[in-house]
Structures are given as C-alpha cells and as structure tokens.
C-alpha atoms as a PDB file:
ATOM      1  CA  MET A   1      -0.007  -0.098   0.097  1.00  0.00           C
ATOM      2  CA  ASN A   2       2.920   2.468   0.660  1.00  0.00           C
ATOM      3  CA  ASN A   3       3.735   2.629  -3.057  1.00  0.00           C
ATOM      4  CA  ILE A   4       0.335   3.723  -4.167  1.00  0.00           C
ATOM      5  CA  GLU A   5      -0.141   7.208  -5.437  1.00  0.00           C
ATOM      6  CA  VAL A   6      -3.168   9.229  -4.582  1.00  0.00           C
ATOM      7  CA  LEU A   7      -4.899   9.891  -7.780  1.00  0.00           C
ATOM      8  CA  ARG A   8      -8.117  11.748  -7.016  1.00  0.00           C
ATOM      9  CA  PHE A   9     -10.199  13.323  -4.341  1.00  0.00           C
ATOM     10  CA  PRO A  10     -13.786  14.560  -4.934  1.00  0.00           C
ATOM     11  CA  PRO A  11     -13.815  17.625  -7.160  1.00  0.00           C
ATOM     12  CA  THR A  12     -16.118  19.670  -4.978  1.00  0.00           C
ATOM     13  CA  GLU A  13     -16.680  20.587  -1.455  1.00  0.00           C
ATOM     14  CA  HIS A  14     -20.462  20.381  -1.953  1.00  0.00           C
ATOM     15  CA  MET A  15     -20.765  16.573  -2.204  1.00  0.00           C
ATOM     16  CA  THR A  16     -23.140  14.871   0.259  1.00  0.00           C
ATOM     17  CA  PRO A  17     -22.088  11.814   2.155  1.00  0.00           C
ATOM     18  CA  GLU A  18     -24.170   9.725  -0.123  1.00  0.00           C
ATOM     19  CA  MET A  19     -22.452  11.173  -3.307  1.00  0.00           C
ATOM     20  CA  ALA A  20     -19.119  10.598  -1.914  1.00  0.00           C
ATOM     21  CA  LEU A  21     -19.847   7.031  -0.887  1.00  0.00           C
ATOM     22  CA  GLN A  22     -21.499   6.252  -4.232  1.00  0.00           C
ATOM     23  CA  ALA A  23     -18.451   7.627  -6.201  1.00  0.00           C
ATOM     24  CA  VAL A  24     -16.306   5.078  -4.199  1.00  0.00           C
ATOM     25  CA  LEU A  25     -18.759   2.317  -4.439  1.00  0.00           C
ATOM     26  CA  THR A  26     -18.936   2.719  -8.347  1.00  0.00           C
ATOM     27  CA  ARG A  27     -15.177   2.489  -8.523  1.00  0.00           C
ATOM     28  CA  CYS A  28     -15.176  -0.460  -6.123  1.00  0.00           C
ATOM     29  CA  GLN A  29     -17.534  -2.374  -8.253  1.00  0.00           C
ATOM     30  CA  LEU A  30     -15.366  -1.639 -11.303  1.00  0.00           C
ATOM     31  CA  GLY A  31     -12.467  -3.154  -9.368  1.00  0.00           C
ATOM     32  CA  GLU A  32     -10.615   0.250  -9.261  1.00  0.00           C
ATOM     33  CA  VAL A  33     -10.427   0.584  -5.357  1.00  0.00           C
ATOM     34  CA  THR A  34      -8.397  -2.040  -3.217  1.00  0.00           C
ATOM     35  CA  ASP A  35      -8.817  -0.443   0.192  1.00  0.00           C
ATOM     36  CA  VAL A  36     -10.859   2.327   1.789  1.00  0.00           C
ATOM     37  CA  LEU A  37     -10.512   4.520   4.833  1.00  0.00           C
ATOM     38  CA  ILE A  38     -13.939   6.504   5.746  1.00  0.00           C
ATOM     39  CA  VAL A  39     -13.760   9.067   8.355  1.00  0.00           C
ATOM     40  CA  GLY A  40     -16.551  11.565   9.192  1.00  0.00           C
ATOM     41  CA  TYR A  41     -18.977  12.648  11.976  1.00  0.00           C
ATOM     42  CA  ASP A  42     -22.330  11.178  12.734  1.00  0.00           C
ATOM     43  CA  THR A  43     -25.541  13.133  13.745  1.00  0.00           C
ATOM     44  CA  ASP A  44     -24.211  13.459  17.144  1.00  0.00           C
ATOM     45  CA  ASN A  45     -21.060  15.099  16.100  1.00  0.00           C
ATOM     46  CA  ASP A  46     -19.030  11.937  17.257  1.00  0.00           C
ATOM     47  CA  PHE A  47     -16.136  10.894  15.116  1.00  0.00           C
ATOM     48  CA  ILE A  48     -16.719   7.759  13.105  1.00  0.00           C
ATOM     49  CA  SER A  49     -14.154   5.590  11.130  1.00  0.00           C
ATOM     50  CA  PHE A  50     -14.551   2.509   9.004  1.00  0.00           C
ATOM     51  CA  SER A  51     -11.772   0.767   7.002  1.00  0.00           C
ATOM     52  CA  SER A  52     -11.092  -2.263   4.801  1.00  0.00           C
ATOM     53  CA  LYS A  53      -8.495  -4.709   5.523  1.00  0.00           C
ATOM     54  CA  MET A  54      -5.777  -2.371   6.662  1.00  0.00           C
ATOM     55  CA  THR A  55      -3.771  -1.969   9.411  1.00  0.00           C
ATOM     56  CA  ARG A  56      -3.633   1.040  11.793  1.00  0.00           C
ATOM     57  CA  ALA A  57      -0.153   1.874  10.141  1.00  0.00           C
ATOM     58  CA  ASP A  58      -1.697   1.774   6.782  1.00  0.00           C
ATOM     59  CA  ALA A  59      -4.583   4.090   7.898  1.00  0.00           C
ATOM     60  CA  VAL A  60      -2.073   6.575   9.461  1.00  0.00           C
ATOM     61  CA  TRP A  61      -0.270   6.421   6.066  1.00  0.00           C
ATOM     62  CA  LEU A  62      -3.354   6.968   4.130  1.00  0.00           C
ATOM     63  CA  LEU A  63      -4.438   9.780   6.370  1.00  0.00           C
ATOM     64  CA  GLU A  64      -0.967  11.408   6.019  1.00  0.00           C
ATOM     65  CA  LYS A  65      -1.367  11.250   2.226  1.00  0.00           C
ATOM     66  CA  ALA A  66      -4.743  13.011   2.561  1.00  0.00           C
ATOM     67  CA  LYS A  67      -3.199  15.638   4.846  1.00  0.00           C
ATOM     68  CA  GLN A  68      -0.541  16.441   2.317  1.00  0.00           C
ATOM     69  CA  TRP A  69      -3.374  16.555  -0.557  1.00  0.00           C
ATOM     70  CA  ALA A  70      -5.144  19.071   1.737  1.00  0.00           C
ATOM     71  CA  MET A  71      -2.060  21.157   2.617  1.00  0.00           C
ATOM     72  CA  ASP A  72      -1.148  21.403  -1.037  1.00  0.00           C
ATOM     73  CA  GLY A  73      -4.325  22.652  -2.240  1.00  0.00           C
ATOM     74  CA  GLY A  74      -5.551  19.513  -3.849  1.00  0.00           C
ATOM     75  CA  GLU A  75      -2.638  19.113  -6.031  1.00  0.00           C
ATOM     76  CA  LYS A  76      -1.587  15.449  -6.925  1.00  0.00           C
END
C-alpha cells in the first residue's frame, strides 16, 4: 500500500456523504479500489471511522497522504 499514489479526491466541497460514498462504491464495483478509509461525523457530532483490510499503520499512512493533499491545495 505504501507505493500507491493518491490519484483523485472529490472535485467539489459540496458533495453529500451519499454522493461521496456512491462515487467510491462505483469505483469499487469496477475493481478500481483496493482499500478504503472512511472518516466522518455522525449526527451526534461524534467521530466515526471505517476501513477495509488495513492495519492501523496503513490507515495513518493514508491519512498523511490526505493531509498532504489538503495542505497542497488538492494538487496531486
């Protein structure tokens, strides 16, 4: 997993949770996604997290990639 390059994040800040999940689900069904890490807030504003077959170390690595993406303004 550490050799995977982050290719794309949603193109808009206005996606609903359903739209974001559907976009990933579609890519999963096409065999384009191997692992996912989902983080968010529930209706009580509590942190939630779901992941697929990844270690905590892999989750931290993926979060760091997302952090770098956000800090660089969304550039690859």
